[in-house]
Structure formats: C-alpha cells, structure tokens
Amino acid sequence: MLKRNMERARSALIGLGTTVLSVPAAANLPDAPEPEGGYEEGNWIDLMQGYLFEGGTVLATVVSMAGFVWVSWTGLTKFNEARQGKAEWGEVGLLGIAGGVLLLVIAFLLQQALAIIGG
C-alpha cells in the first residue's frame, strides 16, 4: 500500500515538474502567418476568407496531384500490359493523350474555381 502511494506521489511530482518546466518553452511560439490579400485590422470576415482561399489553393493542389498520380499509374499499368502482349500499343498512346487532356482540364477548372473564390 505504501509503495503504491509513493509511486503515485512520484508520478504526480514528475508531472508537475514537467508542466512547470514546459510553460516557458510554449511562450516563444511564433504567430500564425496571415493570409495573402490584405485585410483591415479587426475584420474577421476578410481574414477568414483569406484563410479559406489559401485552404482552397492547397485543396486544388492536392486534387491536381491525385489526378497526376492516377493518370501516371494507369499509364504505367497500360504500358506494362502492352509489353506483355495483353494490350495494343495504340491503347497506350491513346491513354497518354486522354490523360494529358484530362490533366489540362482539371488544372483549368481548378484555376477558374480559385479565381472565382478569390474574387
């Protein structure tokens, strides 16, 4: 019983010491960067619009990267099938052209969407 209480007291002291020592370290954290496209001080709506626009930019980048990875993976798969004789080489070329057009359309649509969101 005494041993268990001593362990609890020791754990509590370690936790308290860790908390006290970590408070000064947290005081030196940098401020969050402000979004591009200025805003007036205290205008929270414009500030949130800026953060949403930057979030939309990141999301558009992720969608574009996912499309690129998908087209690349499909192209490599079709290329491997053509090497093994399971597909025609014309299918590889057609997939390359269609994939390139698809990536251009995705990039164009995301650029237009960001232009609308950005105002």
Protein backbone atom coordinates (compact mmCIF):
# COMPACT_ATOMS: atom_id res chain seq x y z
CA MET A 1 0.00 0.00 0.00
CA LEU A 2 2.76 2.42 0.97
CA LYS A 3 4.75 1.50 -2.13
CA ARG A 4 1.77 2.25 -4.40
CA ASN A 5 1.18 5.63 -2.73
CA MET A 6 4.85 6.50 -3.13
CA GLU A 7 4.64 5.67 -6.86
CA ARG A 8 1.58 7.90 -7.24
CA ALA A 9 3.28 10.76 -5.41
CA ARG A 10 6.40 10.34 -7.55
CA SER A 11 4.33 10.36 -10.76
CA ALA A 12 2.44 13.46 -9.61
CA LEU A 13 5.70 15.28 -8.86
CA ILE A 14 7.17 14.34 -12.22
CA GLY A 15 4.00 15.55 -13.98
CA LEU A 16 4.00 18.81 -12.02
CA GLY A 17 7.70 19.38 -12.72
CA THR A 18 7.24 18.69 -16.43
CA THR A 19 4.31 21.12 -16.59
CA VAL A 20 6.21 23.88 -14.78
CA LEU A 21 9.28 23.46 -16.98
CA SER A 22 7.34 23.38 -20.26
CA VAL A 23 5.35 26.61 -19.72
CA PRO A 24 8.26 28.96 -20.57
CA ALA A 25 9.02 26.95 -23.72
CA ALA A 26 5.47 27.41 -25.02
CA ALA A 27 5.68 31.17 -24.56
CA ASN A 28 8.08 31.60 -27.50
CA LEU A 29 5.90 30.09 -30.22
CA PRO A 30 5.67 32.19 -33.40
CA ASP A 31 2.43 33.80 -34.52
CA ALA A 32 0.40 32.13 -37.25
CA PRO A 33 1.12 33.65 -40.67
CA GLU A 34 -1.60 35.90 -42.00
CA PRO A 35 -3.18 35.12 -45.37
CA GLU A 36 -2.29 36.99 -48.53
CA GLY A 37 -4.50 39.77 -49.88
CA GLY A 38 -4.65 42.30 -47.07
CA TYR A 39 -7.47 42.90 -44.67
CA GLU A 40 -8.37 45.62 -42.23
CA GLU A 41 -7.50 45.16 -38.56
CA GLY A 42 -10.43 43.58 -36.76
CA ASN A 43 -12.21 42.49 -39.95
CA TRP A 44 -12.60 38.80 -39.19
CA ILE A 45 -14.69 38.03 -42.27
CA ASP A 46 -11.92 39.10 -44.66
CA LEU A 47 -9.37 37.23 -42.54
CA MET A 48 -11.41 34.01 -42.69
CA GLN A 49 -11.93 34.50 -46.45
CA GLY A 50 -8.16 34.72 -46.85
CA TYR A 51 -7.63 31.51 -44.87
CA LEU A 52 -10.38 29.74 -46.84
CA PHE A 53 -8.82 30.85 -50.12
CA GLU A 54 -5.43 29.50 -49.07
CA GLY A 55 -7.10 26.27 -47.95
CA GLY A 56 -8.80 26.08 -51.35
CA THR A 57 -5.43 26.55 -53.02
CA VAL A 58 -3.98 23.66 -51.03
CA LEU A 59 -7.02 21.50 -51.83
CA ALA A 60 -6.72 22.31 -55.54
CA THR A 61 -3.06 21.33 -55.44
CA VAL A 62 -3.92 18.02 -53.76
CA VAL A 63 -6.64 17.30 -56.36
CA SER A 64 -4.19 18.06 -59.19
CA MET A 65 -1.54 15.82 -57.65
CA ALA A 66 -4.06 13.00 -57.20
CA GLY A 67 -5.08 13.32 -60.85
CA PHE A 68 -1.44 13.24 -61.95
CA VAL A 69 -0.73 10.14 -59.85
CA TRP A 70 -3.87 8.41 -61.17
CA VAL A 71 -3.04 9.14 -64.81
CA SER A 72 0.60 8.11 -64.29
CA TRP A 73 -0.34 4.86 -62.57
CA THR A 74 -2.87 4.00 -65.27
CA GLY A 75 -0.33 4.81 -67.99
CA LEU A 76 2.35 2.63 -66.42
CA THR A 77 -0.14 -0.21 -65.99
CA LYS A 78 -1.23 0.02 -69.63
CA PHE A 79 2.41 0.22 -70.74
CA ASN A 80 3.20 -2.95 -68.79
CA GLU A 81 0.17 -4.70 -70.33
CA ALA A 82 1.35 -3.69 -73.81
CA ARG A 83 4.84 -5.08 -73.10
CA GLN A 84 3.29 -8.39 -72.06
CA GLY A 85 1.09 -8.51 -75.17
CA LYS A 86 -2.19 -8.09 -73.26
CA ALA A 87 -2.89 -4.65 -74.78
CA GLU A 88 -2.13 -2.81 -78.02
CA TRP A 89 0.45 -0.05 -78.20
CA GLY A 90 -2.20 2.22 -79.66
CA GLU A 91 -4.08 1.97 -76.37
CA VAL A 92 -1.00 3.25 -74.56
CA GLY A 93 -0.78 6.25 -76.88
CA LEU A 94 -4.50 6.95 -76.62
CA LEU A 95 -4.33 6.75 -72.82
CA GLY A 96 -1.37 9.16 -72.82
CA ILE A 97 -3.26 11.70 -74.94
CA ALA A 98 -6.52 11.33 -72.99
CA GLY A 99 -4.65 11.52 -69.66
CA GLY A 100 -2.82 14.67 -70.73
CA VAL A 101 -6.06 16.32 -71.82
CA LEU A 102 -7.69 15.26 -68.55
CA LEU A 103 -4.89 16.85 -66.54
CA LEU A 104 -5.17 20.08 -68.54
CA VAL A 105 -8.94 20.21 -67.98
CA ILE A 106 -8.51 19.57 -64.24
CA ALA A 107 -5.88 22.32 -63.98
CA PHE A 108 -8.06 24.76 -65.94
CA LEU A 109 -11.19 24.08 -63.88
CA LEU A 110 -9.33 24.39 -60.58
CA GLN A 111 -7.75 27.65 -61.73
CA GLN A 112 -11.17 29.03 -62.65
CA ALA A 113 -12.61 27.91 -59.31
CA LEU A 114 -9.80 29.64 -57.41
CA ALA A 115 -10.31 32.81 -59.46
CA ILE A 116 -14.00 32.82 -58.51
CA ILE A 117 -13.29 32.14 -54.83
CA GLY A 118 -10.55 34.77 -54.71
CA GLY A 119 -12.89 37.37 -56.09
